[in-house]
Amino acid sequence: MRNLLSCALVAAVLALVAPIASAQMLADAELVSALRAGGLVIVSRHGATHSDQADTDPLNVGKPGNEARQRQLNDRGREVAASWNDATKRLGIPVGSVVSSQFQRAYETARLAFGEPMLTADVSEGGLVVSPAENNRRAAAFRKLVATVPSAGTNTFIVTHRPNVLDAFGRDLFDLREGESAVFRPDGSGKHQLVGRVLPEQWTALAARFSK
């Protein structure tokens, strides 16, 4: 009986994290072609940050003046984010909606890379300062964003945090690095398929190979 209960509990937990449809990772040229066509959702962790800084007032994230109490992008993080902006233009990748966490490091990454973002708690790191129910709500909202088909001929870009990615997608993206992107194809029925991963510096390399 105990084993049956354990199995049921594991199944229930896994059901809360919508599994990523069987990944069919695209080759570089195919990925660039798909991005140019639009219809994809690109989820990125914020860029590289100062490892000796911490968020000292996470309860008030999003309020004016709180930015100084947060971990910030370092120079490399800003440089790489700006390079994404150049790369997407050189590759002819259409940018549609841009969504960001309320934390400054995510907002700055999104603004430098893709344009002025919409800030939302749905992809903001909650951790221990919000309730488990709110963390679960954010994970569900995040999955819904990724499963939403972008406006015709555009891609949606989301900048978030590792804990949010783990809560929403589980072990499939446990190793997503700072500045790394996961590319999803939503199918319009609430499901999404992982079709690519792009390391921070890879955007520039792709632009060098495939720019129009």
N, C-alpha and C. Protein backbone atom coordinates (compact mmCIF):
# COMPACT_ATOMS: atom_id res chain seq x y z
N MET A 1 0.83 -1.21 0.00
CA MET A 1 0.00 0.00 0.00
C MET A 1 0.87 1.26 0.00
N ARG A 2 1.93 1.23 0.84
CA ARG A 2 2.80 2.39 0.90
C ARG A 2 3.44 2.67 -0.46
N ASN A 3 3.84 1.60 -1.17
CA ASN A 3 4.44 1.78 -2.49
C ASN A 3 3.44 2.37 -3.48
N LEU A 4 2.19 1.92 -3.37
CA LEU A 4 1.16 2.44 -4.26
C LEU A 4 0.93 3.93 -4.02
N LEU A 5 0.91 4.31 -2.73
CA LEU A 5 0.72 5.71 -2.38
C LEU A 5 1.88 6.56 -2.88
N SER A 6 3.10 6.01 -2.74
CA SER A 6 4.28 6.73 -3.21
C SER A 6 4.22 6.96 -4.71
N CYS A 7 3.82 5.93 -5.43
CA CYS A 7 3.72 6.05 -6.89
C CYS A 7 2.66 7.07 -7.28
N ALA A 8 1.55 7.06 -6.55
CA ALA A 8 0.48 8.01 -6.84
C ALA A 8 0.94 9.44 -6.59
N LEU A 9 1.73 9.62 -5.50
CA LEU A 9 2.23 10.96 -5.19
C LEU A 9 3.18 11.45 -6.25
N VAL A 10 4.09 10.59 -6.70
CA VAL A 10 5.03 10.97 -7.76
C VAL A 10 4.27 11.33 -9.03
N ALA A 11 3.25 10.55 -9.36
CA ALA A 11 2.47 10.82 -10.57
C ALA A 11 1.76 12.17 -10.47
N ALA A 12 1.27 12.47 -9.28
CA ALA A 12 0.56 13.74 -9.09
C ALA A 12 1.51 14.91 -9.24
N VAL A 13 2.73 14.78 -8.68
CA VAL A 13 3.71 15.85 -8.79
C VAL A 13 4.12 16.06 -10.24
N LEU A 14 4.36 14.97 -10.96
CA LEU A 14 4.76 15.08 -12.35
C LEU A 14 3.65 15.68 -13.20
N ALA A 15 2.41 15.43 -12.82
CA ALA A 15 1.29 15.98 -13.58
C ALA A 15 1.24 17.50 -13.47
N LEU A 16 1.77 18.04 -12.36
CA LEU A 16 1.77 19.49 -12.18
C LEU A 16 2.77 20.16 -13.10
N VAL A 17 3.81 19.44 -13.49
CA VAL A 17 4.81 19.98 -14.40
C VAL A 17 4.56 19.39 -15.78
N ALA A 18 3.91 20.17 -16.63
CA ALA A 18 3.56 19.66 -17.95
C ALA A 18 4.82 19.24 -18.68
N PRO A 19 4.93 17.97 -19.07
CA PRO A 19 6.15 17.52 -19.72
C PRO A 19 6.34 18.18 -21.07
N ILE A 20 7.60 18.47 -21.38
CA ILE A 20 7.91 18.99 -22.70
C ILE A 20 7.75 17.85 -23.68
N ALA A 21 7.01 18.11 -24.76
CA ALA A 21 6.83 17.07 -25.77
C ALA A 21 8.19 16.60 -26.24
N SER A 22 8.25 15.33 -26.63
CA SER A 22 9.49 14.70 -27.02
C SER A 22 10.33 15.63 -27.88
N ALA A 23 11.48 16.01 -27.38
CA ALA A 23 12.30 17.02 -28.04
C ALA A 23 12.82 16.51 -29.39
N GLN A 24 12.66 17.34 -30.40
CA GLN A 24 13.23 17.07 -31.71
C GLN A 24 14.08 18.29 -32.06
N MET A 25 15.30 18.26 -31.60
CA MET A 25 16.16 19.43 -31.71
C MET A 25 16.54 19.68 -33.17
N LEU A 26 16.39 20.93 -33.58
CA LEU A 26 16.68 21.32 -34.95
C LEU A 26 18.17 21.59 -35.11
N ALA A 27 18.70 21.26 -36.28
CA ALA A 27 20.07 21.64 -36.62
C ALA A 27 20.11 23.16 -36.75
N ASP A 28 21.31 23.74 -36.70
CA ASP A 28 21.44 25.19 -36.68
C ASP A 28 20.70 25.87 -37.83
N ALA A 29 20.90 25.39 -39.04
CA ALA A 29 20.27 26.02 -40.20
C ALA A 29 18.75 25.91 -40.12
N GLU A 30 18.26 24.78 -39.65
CA GLU A 30 16.81 24.59 -39.51
C GLU A 30 16.25 25.50 -38.43
N LEU A 31 17.01 25.66 -37.34
CA LEU A 31 16.56 26.51 -36.25
C LEU A 31 16.46 27.96 -36.70
N VAL A 32 17.49 28.44 -37.41
CA VAL A 32 17.46 29.81 -37.91
C VAL A 32 16.29 30.01 -38.87
N SER A 33 16.04 29.05 -39.73
CA SER A 33 14.93 29.14 -40.67
C SER A 33 13.59 29.20 -39.92
N ALA A 34 13.46 28.38 -38.88
CA ALA A 34 12.22 28.37 -38.10
C ALA A 34 12.04 29.69 -37.36
N LEU A 35 13.11 30.25 -36.82
CA LEU A 35 13.03 31.53 -36.13
C LEU A 35 12.64 32.65 -37.09
N ARG A 36 13.16 32.60 -38.30
CA ARG A 36 12.81 33.62 -39.29
C ARG A 36 11.33 33.54 -39.67
N ALA A 37 10.78 32.35 -39.66
CA ALA A 37 9.38 32.17 -40.03
C ALA A 37 8.43 32.63 -38.94
N GLY A 38 8.92 32.66 -37.69
CA GLY A 38 8.07 33.05 -36.56
C GLY A 38 7.30 31.86 -36.01
N GLY A 39 6.54 32.13 -34.95
CA GLY A 39 5.73 31.08 -34.34
C GLY A 39 6.40 30.35 -33.20
N LEU A 40 7.59 30.82 -32.78
CA LEU A 40 8.33 30.17 -31.70
C LEU A 40 8.34 31.04 -30.45
N VAL A 41 8.61 30.40 -29.32
CA VAL A 41 8.74 31.09 -28.04
C VAL A 41 10.14 30.82 -27.52
N ILE A 42 10.88 31.87 -27.29
CA ILE A 42 12.27 31.75 -26.84
C ILE A 42 12.34 32.15 -25.37
N VAL A 43 12.71 31.19 -24.54
CA VAL A 43 12.83 31.41 -23.09
C VAL A 43 14.31 31.53 -22.75
N SER A 44 14.70 32.66 -22.18
CA SER A 44 16.11 32.89 -21.85
C SER A 44 16.27 33.16 -20.36
N ARG A 45 17.33 32.61 -19.78
CA ARG A 45 17.74 33.09 -18.46
C ARG A 45 18.40 34.44 -18.64
N HIS A 46 18.28 35.29 -17.63
CA HIS A 46 18.96 36.57 -17.67
C HIS A 46 20.46 36.36 -17.90
N GLY A 47 21.13 37.42 -18.32
CA GLY A 47 22.55 37.33 -18.60
C GLY A 47 23.41 37.17 -17.37
N ALA A 48 24.71 37.11 -17.58
CA ALA A 48 25.67 36.88 -16.50
C ALA A 48 25.59 38.00 -15.47
N THR A 49 25.72 37.62 -14.19
CA THR A 49 25.55 38.58 -13.09
C THR A 49 26.78 38.58 -12.18
N HIS A 50 26.79 39.53 -11.25
CA HIS A 50 27.84 39.60 -10.24
C HIS A 50 27.58 38.52 -9.18
N SER A 51 28.50 37.58 -9.06
CA SER A 51 28.29 36.45 -8.15
C SER A 51 28.42 36.83 -6.68
N ASP A 52 28.91 38.03 -6.39
CA ASP A 52 29.05 38.45 -4.99
C ASP A 52 27.89 39.35 -4.54
N GLN A 53 26.87 39.47 -5.38
CA GLN A 53 25.70 40.27 -5.02
C GLN A 53 24.51 39.36 -4.69
N ALA A 54 23.56 39.90 -3.95
CA ALA A 54 22.36 39.14 -3.58
C ALA A 54 21.15 40.04 -3.63
N ASP A 55 19.97 39.43 -3.69
CA ASP A 55 18.72 40.17 -3.60
C ASP A 55 18.40 40.34 -2.12
N THR A 56 18.50 41.56 -1.62
CA THR A 56 18.36 41.80 -0.19
C THR A 56 16.96 42.25 0.22
N ASP A 57 16.11 42.53 -0.76
CA ASP A 57 14.73 42.97 -0.44
C ASP A 57 13.76 42.37 -1.46
N PRO A 58 13.71 41.03 -1.57
CA PRO A 58 12.90 40.41 -2.62
C PRO A 58 11.40 40.61 -2.46
N LEU A 59 10.94 40.96 -1.26
CA LEU A 59 9.51 41.18 -1.06
C LEU A 59 9.00 42.39 -1.84
N ASN A 60 9.91 43.32 -2.15
CA ASN A 60 9.49 44.57 -2.79
C ASN A 60 10.00 44.71 -4.22
N VAL A 61 10.31 43.58 -4.84
CA VAL A 61 10.73 43.61 -6.24
C VAL A 61 9.62 44.24 -7.08
N GLY A 62 10.02 45.13 -7.99
CA GLY A 62 9.04 45.80 -8.84
C GLY A 62 8.69 47.18 -8.36
N LYS A 63 9.06 47.50 -7.12
CA LYS A 63 8.78 48.84 -6.59
C LYS A 63 9.96 49.77 -6.89
N PRO A 64 9.68 51.03 -7.18
CA PRO A 64 10.76 51.97 -7.49
C PRO A 64 11.81 52.01 -6.38
N GLY A 65 13.07 51.99 -6.78
CA GLY A 65 14.17 52.06 -5.83
C GLY A 65 14.69 50.71 -5.38
N ASN A 66 13.95 49.65 -5.70
CA ASN A 66 14.37 48.32 -5.26
C ASN A 66 15.53 47.78 -6.10
N GLU A 67 15.73 48.34 -7.28
CA GLU A 67 16.76 47.82 -8.18
C GLU A 67 18.13 47.76 -7.52
N ALA A 68 18.45 48.73 -6.67
CA ALA A 68 19.77 48.79 -6.03
C ALA A 68 19.96 47.68 -5.01
N ARG A 69 18.88 47.01 -4.64
CA ARG A 69 18.95 45.93 -3.65
C ARG A 69 18.93 44.55 -4.31
N GLN A 70 19.22 44.52 -5.60
CA GLN A 70 19.17 43.27 -6.35
C GLN A 70 20.53 42.91 -6.93
N ARG A 71 20.71 41.62 -7.26
CA ARG A 71 21.89 41.21 -8.00
C ARG A 71 21.77 41.74 -9.42
N GLN A 72 22.85 42.29 -9.95
CA GLN A 72 22.82 42.99 -11.23
C GLN A 72 23.60 42.23 -12.31
N LEU A 73 23.30 42.57 -13.55
CA LEU A 73 24.12 42.07 -14.65
C LEU A 73 25.54 42.63 -14.51
N ASN A 74 26.53 41.82 -14.86
CA ASN A 74 27.88 42.35 -14.96
C ASN A 74 28.12 42.85 -16.39
N ASP A 75 29.31 43.37 -16.65
CA ASP A 75 29.59 43.94 -17.97
C ASP A 75 29.44 42.90 -19.07
N ARG A 76 29.85 41.66 -18.77
CA ARG A 76 29.73 40.60 -19.77
C ARG A 76 28.27 40.30 -20.07
N GLY A 77 27.45 40.31 -19.03
CA GLY A 77 26.02 40.06 -19.23
C GLY A 77 25.39 41.11 -20.13
N ARG A 78 25.76 42.36 -19.92
CA ARG A 78 25.22 43.45 -20.76
C ARG A 78 25.74 43.34 -22.19
N GLU A 79 27.03 43.02 -22.32
CA GLU A 79 27.64 42.91 -23.66
C GLU A 79 26.98 41.80 -24.47
N VAL A 80 26.78 40.66 -23.83
CA VAL A 80 26.18 39.53 -24.55
C VAL A 80 24.73 39.82 -24.91
N ALA A 81 23.98 40.43 -23.98
CA ALA A 81 22.58 40.76 -24.28
C ALA A 81 22.49 41.70 -25.47
N ALA A 82 23.36 42.71 -25.51
CA ALA A 82 23.36 43.63 -26.65
C ALA A 82 23.71 42.91 -27.95
N SER A 83 24.56 41.90 -27.85
CA SER A 83 24.95 41.15 -29.06
C SER A 83 23.78 40.35 -29.61
N TRP A 84 22.84 39.94 -28.73
CA TRP A 84 21.65 39.24 -29.21
C TRP A 84 20.82 40.14 -30.09
N ASN A 85 20.71 41.41 -29.70
CA ASN A 85 19.94 42.37 -30.47
C ASN A 85 20.51 42.49 -31.88
N ASP A 86 21.83 42.59 -31.96
CA ASP A 86 22.48 42.67 -33.26
C ASP A 86 22.28 41.39 -34.06
N ALA A 87 22.38 40.25 -33.38
CA ALA A 87 22.28 38.97 -34.07
C ALA A 87 20.88 38.74 -34.63
N THR A 88 19.85 39.06 -33.84
CA THR A 88 18.48 38.85 -34.34
C THR A 88 18.20 39.71 -35.56
N LYS A 89 18.75 40.92 -35.58
CA LYS A 89 18.56 41.80 -36.74
C LYS A 89 19.30 41.26 -37.95
N ARG A 90 20.53 40.82 -37.76
CA ARG A 90 21.32 40.30 -38.88
C ARG A 90 20.72 39.02 -39.44
N LEU A 91 20.10 38.23 -38.57
CA LEU A 91 19.49 36.97 -39.01
C LEU A 91 18.08 37.16 -39.56
N GLY A 92 17.50 38.33 -39.35
CA GLY A 92 16.14 38.56 -39.84
C GLY A 92 15.09 37.84 -39.01
N ILE A 93 15.33 37.75 -37.69
CA ILE A 93 14.38 37.08 -36.79
C ILE A 93 13.37 38.10 -36.29
N PRO A 94 12.08 37.90 -36.57
CA PRO A 94 11.07 38.87 -36.16
C PRO A 94 10.75 38.76 -34.67
N VAL A 95 10.84 39.89 -33.98
CA VAL A 95 10.57 39.95 -32.55
C VAL A 95 9.14 40.46 -32.34
N GLY A 96 8.34 39.66 -31.64
CA GLY A 96 6.98 40.07 -31.31
C GLY A 96 6.90 40.52 -29.87
N SER A 97 6.12 39.82 -29.07
CA SER A 97 6.00 40.16 -27.65
C SER A 97 7.30 39.86 -26.92
N VAL A 98 7.66 40.75 -26.00
CA VAL A 98 8.84 40.57 -25.15
C VAL A 98 8.33 40.63 -23.70
N VAL A 99 8.58 39.57 -22.95
CA VAL A 99 8.09 39.43 -21.59
C VAL A 99 9.27 39.23 -20.66
N SER A 100 9.24 39.90 -19.50
CA SER A 100 10.37 39.80 -18.59
C SER A 100 9.91 39.67 -17.15
N SER A 101 10.75 39.03 -16.35
CA SER A 101 10.65 39.07 -14.91
C SER A 101 10.75 40.51 -14.43
N GLN A 102 10.27 40.76 -13.22
CA GLN A 102 10.34 42.10 -12.64
C GLN A 102 11.72 42.43 -12.07
N PHE A 103 12.60 41.44 -11.97
CA PHE A 103 13.93 41.70 -11.45
C PHE A 103 14.75 42.48 -12.49
N GLN A 104 15.58 43.39 -11.99
CA GLN A 104 16.34 44.28 -12.87
C GLN A 104 17.23 43.52 -13.84
N ARG A 105 17.88 42.45 -13.40
CA ARG A 105 18.80 41.72 -14.27
C ARG A 105 18.08 41.08 -15.45
N ALA A 106 16.83 40.67 -15.24
CA ALA A 106 16.04 40.12 -16.34
C ALA A 106 15.53 41.23 -17.24
N TYR A 107 15.02 42.30 -16.62
CA TYR A 107 14.53 43.44 -17.40
C TYR A 107 15.63 44.02 -18.28
N GLU A 108 16.81 44.19 -17.71
CA GLU A 108 17.91 44.78 -18.48
C GLU A 108 18.33 43.86 -19.61
N THR A 109 18.37 42.55 -19.35
CA THR A 109 18.68 41.60 -20.42
C THR A 109 17.68 41.72 -21.56
N ALA A 110 16.40 41.71 -21.22
CA ALA A 110 15.34 41.78 -22.24
C ALA A 110 15.41 43.08 -23.02
N ARG A 111 15.60 44.20 -22.32
CA ARG A 111 15.62 45.50 -22.98
C ARG A 111 16.79 45.61 -23.94
N LEU A 112 17.97 45.18 -23.51
CA LEU A 112 19.15 45.26 -24.37
C LEU A 112 19.06 44.30 -25.55
N ALA A 113 18.46 43.14 -25.32
CA ALA A 113 18.47 42.09 -26.34
C ALA A 113 17.33 42.21 -27.34
N PHE A 114 16.14 42.52 -26.85
CA PHE A 114 14.96 42.38 -27.71
C PHE A 114 14.07 43.62 -27.78
N GLY A 115 14.22 44.54 -26.86
CA GLY A 115 13.36 45.72 -26.83
C GLY A 115 12.62 45.82 -25.51
N GLU A 116 11.93 46.92 -25.31
CA GLU A 116 11.25 47.18 -24.04
C GLU A 116 10.25 46.06 -23.74
N PRO A 117 10.41 45.38 -22.58
CA PRO A 117 9.55 44.23 -22.28
C PRO A 117 8.33 44.59 -21.44
N MET A 118 7.37 43.68 -21.42
CA MET A 118 6.28 43.73 -20.46
C MET A 118 6.75 42.99 -19.21
N LEU A 119 6.70 43.64 -18.06
CA LEU A 119 7.13 43.03 -16.81
C LEU A 119 5.96 42.31 -16.16
N THR A 120 6.22 41.11 -15.65
CA THR A 120 5.16 40.36 -15.01
C THR A 120 5.70 39.46 -13.90
N ALA A 121 4.90 39.30 -12.86
CA ALA A 121 5.26 38.37 -11.79
C ALA A 121 5.21 36.93 -12.27
N ASP A 122 4.52 36.69 -13.36
CA ASP A 122 4.34 35.31 -13.85
C ASP A 122 5.66 34.62 -14.16
N VAL A 123 6.70 35.40 -14.50
CA VAL A 123 8.00 34.79 -14.79
C VAL A 123 9.08 35.35 -13.86
N SER A 124 8.64 35.95 -12.73
CA SER A 124 9.58 36.48 -11.73
C SER A 124 9.87 35.42 -10.68
N GLU A 125 11.11 35.40 -10.23
CA GLU A 125 11.49 34.44 -9.20
C GLU A 125 10.77 34.75 -7.89
N GLY A 126 10.12 33.73 -7.33
CA GLY A 126 9.39 33.91 -6.08
C GLY A 126 10.15 33.36 -4.89
N GLY A 127 10.60 32.12 -5.04
CA GLY A 127 11.38 31.49 -3.98
C GLY A 127 10.62 31.40 -2.68
N LEU A 128 11.33 31.66 -1.59
CA LEU A 128 10.76 31.49 -0.26
C LEU A 128 9.97 32.70 0.21
N VAL A 129 9.97 33.79 -0.57
CA VAL A 129 9.25 34.99 -0.11
C VAL A 129 7.81 35.04 -0.61
N VAL A 130 7.42 34.06 -1.43
CA VAL A 130 6.01 33.95 -1.80
C VAL A 130 5.53 32.56 -1.37
N SER A 131 4.23 32.39 -1.32
CA SER A 131 3.67 31.12 -0.86
C SER A 131 3.88 30.01 -1.89
N PRO A 132 3.86 28.76 -1.46
CA PRO A 132 3.91 27.65 -2.42
C PRO A 132 2.80 27.75 -3.46
N ALA A 133 1.62 28.19 -3.04
CA ALA A 133 0.51 28.33 -3.98
C ALA A 133 0.84 29.36 -5.07
N GLU A 134 1.48 30.47 -4.67
CA GLU A 134 1.84 31.49 -5.65
C GLU A 134 2.94 30.99 -6.58
N ASN A 135 3.92 30.26 -6.05
CA ASN A 135 4.94 29.68 -6.92
C ASN A 135 4.31 28.73 -7.93
N ASN A 136 3.34 27.92 -7.50
CA ASN A 136 2.65 27.02 -8.42
C ASN A 136 1.85 27.79 -9.46
N ARG A 137 1.22 28.89 -9.03
CA ARG A 137 0.46 29.72 -9.98
C ARG A 137 1.39 30.28 -11.05
N ARG A 138 2.56 30.76 -10.61
CA ARG A 138 3.51 31.33 -11.57
C ARG A 138 4.00 30.27 -12.56
N ALA A 139 4.25 29.07 -12.08
CA ALA A 139 4.71 28.00 -12.97
C ALA A 139 3.65 27.69 -14.02
N ALA A 140 2.38 27.63 -13.59
CA ALA A 140 1.29 27.35 -14.52
C ALA A 140 1.15 28.49 -15.53
N ALA A 141 1.26 29.73 -15.06
CA ALA A 141 1.16 30.88 -15.96
C ALA A 141 2.32 30.90 -16.96
N PHE A 142 3.50 30.53 -16.50
CA PHE A 142 4.68 30.47 -17.36
C PHE A 142 4.46 29.44 -18.47
N ARG A 143 3.99 28.25 -18.07
CA ARG A 143 3.73 27.21 -19.08
C ARG A 143 2.69 27.67 -20.10
N LYS A 144 1.68 28.40 -19.61
CA LYS A 144 0.65 28.90 -20.53
C LYS A 144 1.24 29.89 -21.52
N LEU A 145 2.15 30.76 -21.05
CA LEU A 145 2.82 31.70 -21.95
C LEU A 145 3.59 30.96 -23.05
N VAL A 146 4.31 29.93 -22.65
CA VAL A 146 5.13 29.19 -23.61
C VAL A 146 4.26 28.40 -24.58
N ALA A 147 3.07 28.01 -24.15
CA ALA A 147 2.16 27.25 -25.00
C ALA A 147 1.30 28.14 -25.90
N THR A 148 1.42 29.46 -25.74
CA THR A 148 0.61 30.39 -26.53
C THR A 148 1.31 30.71 -27.85
N VAL A 149 0.62 30.48 -28.95
CA VAL A 149 1.20 30.75 -30.27
C VAL A 149 1.37 32.26 -30.45
N PRO A 150 2.55 32.72 -30.85
CA PRO A 150 2.77 34.16 -31.07
C PRO A 150 1.93 34.71 -32.20
N SER A 151 1.83 36.02 -32.26
CA SER A 151 1.17 36.67 -33.39
C SER A 151 1.84 36.23 -34.68
N ALA A 152 1.06 36.17 -35.75
CA ALA A 152 1.54 35.65 -37.03
C ALA A 152 2.83 36.33 -37.46
N GLY A 153 3.81 35.50 -37.83
CA GLY A 153 5.06 36.02 -38.35
C GLY A 153 6.01 36.59 -37.33
N THR A 154 5.75 36.35 -36.03
CA THR A 154 6.64 36.86 -34.99
C THR A 154 7.01 35.74 -34.02
N ASN A 155 7.99 36.02 -33.18
CA ASN A 155 8.38 35.14 -32.09
C ASN A 155 8.18 35.87 -30.76
N THR A 156 7.87 35.12 -29.72
CA THR A 156 7.77 35.67 -28.38
C THR A 156 9.07 35.40 -27.64
N PHE A 157 9.57 36.41 -26.92
CA PHE A 157 10.80 36.29 -26.15
C PHE A 157 10.49 36.51 -24.67
N ILE A 158 10.93 35.57 -23.83
CA ILE A 158 10.68 35.63 -22.40
C ILE A 158 12.02 35.55 -21.68
N VAL A 159 12.25 36.47 -20.75
CA VAL A 159 13.50 36.45 -19.96
C VAL A 159 13.12 36.21 -18.50
N THR A 160 13.72 35.19 -17.91
CA THR A 160 13.30 34.74 -16.60
C THR A 160 14.49 34.23 -15.78
N HIS A 161 14.23 33.32 -14.84
CA HIS A 161 15.24 32.83 -13.90
C HIS A 161 15.24 31.30 -13.88
N ARG A 162 16.35 30.75 -13.42
CA ARG A 162 16.47 29.29 -13.36
C ARG A 162 15.39 28.64 -12.50
N PRO A 163 15.07 29.15 -11.29
CA PRO A 163 14.02 28.49 -10.50
C PRO A 163 12.67 28.44 -11.23
N ASN A 164 12.35 29.50 -11.98
CA ASN A 164 11.09 29.51 -12.72
C ASN A 164 11.09 28.46 -13.83
N VAL A 165 12.23 28.33 -14.50
CA VAL A 165 12.36 27.32 -15.56
C VAL A 165 12.21 25.92 -14.96
N LEU A 166 12.85 25.69 -13.83
CA LEU A 166 12.75 24.37 -13.18
C LEU A 166 11.32 24.08 -12.73
N ASP A 167 10.66 25.08 -12.13
CA ASP A 167 9.30 24.87 -11.66
C ASP A 167 8.35 24.56 -12.82
N ALA A 168 8.57 25.23 -13.94
CA ALA A 168 7.67 25.07 -15.08
C ALA A 168 7.97 23.84 -15.93
N PHE A 169 9.24 23.50 -16.10
CA PHE A 169 9.62 22.47 -17.06
C PHE A 169 10.41 21.31 -16.48
N GLY A 170 10.73 21.39 -15.18
CA GLY A 170 11.37 20.26 -14.52
C GLY A 170 12.75 19.95 -15.06
N ARG A 171 13.08 18.68 -15.02
CA ARG A 171 14.45 18.23 -15.30
C ARG A 171 14.89 18.46 -16.74
N ASP A 172 13.95 18.68 -17.65
CA ASP A 172 14.33 18.85 -19.05
C ASP A 172 15.29 20.01 -19.26
N LEU A 173 15.19 21.04 -18.39
CA LEU A 173 16.04 22.22 -18.57
C LEU A 173 16.77 22.57 -17.28
N PHE A 174 17.10 21.56 -16.48
CA PHE A 174 17.73 21.81 -15.18
C PHE A 174 19.08 22.49 -15.32
N ASP A 175 19.75 22.33 -16.46
CA ASP A 175 21.11 22.85 -16.62
C ASP A 175 21.17 24.12 -17.46
N LEU A 176 20.04 24.81 -17.64
CA LEU A 176 20.03 26.04 -18.43
C LEU A 176 20.92 27.08 -17.76
N ARG A 177 21.91 27.57 -18.48
CA ARG A 177 22.90 28.50 -17.93
C ARG A 177 22.42 29.94 -17.99
N GLU A 178 23.10 30.83 -17.25
CA GLU A 178 22.82 32.25 -17.37
C GLU A 178 23.04 32.66 -18.83
N GLY A 179 22.06 33.33 -19.39
CA GLY A 179 22.17 33.78 -20.77
C GLY A 179 21.82 32.75 -21.82
N GLU A 180 21.53 31.52 -21.41
CA GLU A 180 21.18 30.49 -22.39
C GLU A 180 19.69 30.57 -22.70
N SER A 181 19.34 30.19 -23.93
CA SER A 181 17.96 30.23 -24.39
C SER A 181 17.47 28.84 -24.76
N ALA A 182 16.19 28.60 -24.46
CA ALA A 182 15.51 27.38 -24.90
C ALA A 182 14.42 27.82 -25.88
N VAL A 183 14.35 27.17 -27.03
CA VAL A 183 13.41 27.55 -28.08
C VAL A 183 12.30 26.51 -28.14
N PHE A 184 11.06 27.00 -28.00
CA PHE A 184 9.89 26.12 -27.99
C PHE A 184 9.00 26.41 -29.20
N ARG A 185 8.32 25.35 -29.65
CA ARG A 185 7.29 25.51 -30.68
C ARG A 185 5.94 25.15 -30.06
N PRO A 186 5.08 26.14 -29.79
CA PRO A 186 3.74 25.83 -29.28
C PRO A 186 2.86 25.33 -30.42
N ASP A 187 1.94 24.40 -30.10
CA ASP A 187 1.12 23.84 -31.18
C ASP A 187 -0.32 24.37 -31.18
N GLY A 188 -0.62 25.27 -30.25
CA GLY A 188 -1.96 25.85 -30.24
C GLY A 188 -2.97 25.07 -29.44
N SER A 189 -2.56 23.91 -28.91
CA SER A 189 -3.49 23.09 -28.14
C SER A 189 -3.08 23.00 -26.67
N GLY A 190 -2.19 23.90 -26.24
CA GLY A 190 -1.72 23.87 -24.86
C GLY A 190 -0.44 23.09 -24.69
N LYS A 191 0.12 22.58 -25.78
CA LYS A 191 1.37 21.82 -25.70
C LYS A 191 2.48 22.61 -26.38
N HIS A 192 3.71 22.24 -26.05
CA HIS A 192 4.87 22.92 -26.63
C HIS A 192 5.99 21.91 -26.75
N GLN A 193 6.80 22.09 -27.75
CA GLN A 193 7.91 21.17 -28.01
C GLN A 193 9.22 21.94 -27.99
N LEU A 194 10.20 21.42 -27.28
CA LEU A 194 11.53 22.01 -27.27
C LEU A 194 12.22 21.67 -28.59
N VAL A 195 12.62 22.70 -29.34
CA VAL A 195 13.23 22.45 -30.65
C VAL A 195 14.66 22.95 -30.75
N GLY A 196 15.14 23.64 -29.70
CA GLY A 196 16.52 24.11 -29.77
C GLY A 196 16.98 24.75 -28.48
N ARG A 197 18.28 24.78 -28.29
CA ARG A 197 18.91 25.49 -27.18
C ARG A 197 20.07 26.29 -27.75
N VAL A 198 20.19 27.54 -27.30
CA VAL A 198 21.22 28.42 -27.83
C VAL A 198 22.01 29.00 -26.66
N LEU A 199 23.31 28.72 -26.62
CA LEU A 199 24.17 29.27 -25.59
C LEU A 199 24.36 30.77 -25.80
N PRO A 200 24.76 31.51 -24.76
CA PRO A 200 24.82 32.97 -24.87
C PRO A 200 25.57 33.49 -26.09
N GLU A 201 26.76 32.94 -26.33
CA GLU A 201 27.59 33.45 -27.42
C GLU A 201 27.20 32.87 -28.78
N GLN A 202 26.31 31.88 -28.78
CA GLN A 202 25.94 31.22 -30.04
C GLN A 202 25.15 32.11 -30.97
N TRP A 203 24.41 33.08 -30.43
CA TRP A 203 23.63 33.96 -31.30
C TRP A 203 24.55 34.68 -32.29
N THR A 204 25.68 35.17 -31.80
CA THR A 204 26.63 35.87 -32.66
C THR A 204 27.22 34.91 -33.69
N ALA A 205 27.52 33.68 -33.25
CA ALA A 205 28.07 32.68 -34.17
C ALA A 205 27.06 32.34 -35.27
N LEU A 206 25.79 32.21 -34.89
CA LEU A 206 24.75 31.92 -35.89
C LEU A 206 24.62 33.07 -36.88
N ALA A 207 24.71 34.31 -36.36
CA ALA A 207 24.62 35.47 -37.26
C ALA A 207 25.77 35.50 -38.25
N ALA A 208 26.95 35.10 -37.78
CA ALA A 208 28.13 35.09 -38.66
C ALA A 208 27.96 34.06 -39.78
N ARG A 209 27.28 32.97 -39.47
CA ARG A 209 27.12 31.88 -40.45
C ARG A 209 25.92 32.08 -41.38
N PHE A 210 24.83 32.64 -40.84
CA PHE A 210 23.58 32.62 -41.59
C PHE A 210 22.96 33.99 -41.84
N SER A 211 23.67 35.09 -41.54
CA SER A 211 23.07 36.41 -41.72
C SER A 211 22.69 36.63 -43.17
N LYS A 212 21.61 37.40 -43.35
CA LYS A 212 21.09 37.63 -44.70
C LYS A 212 21.99 38.63 -45.44
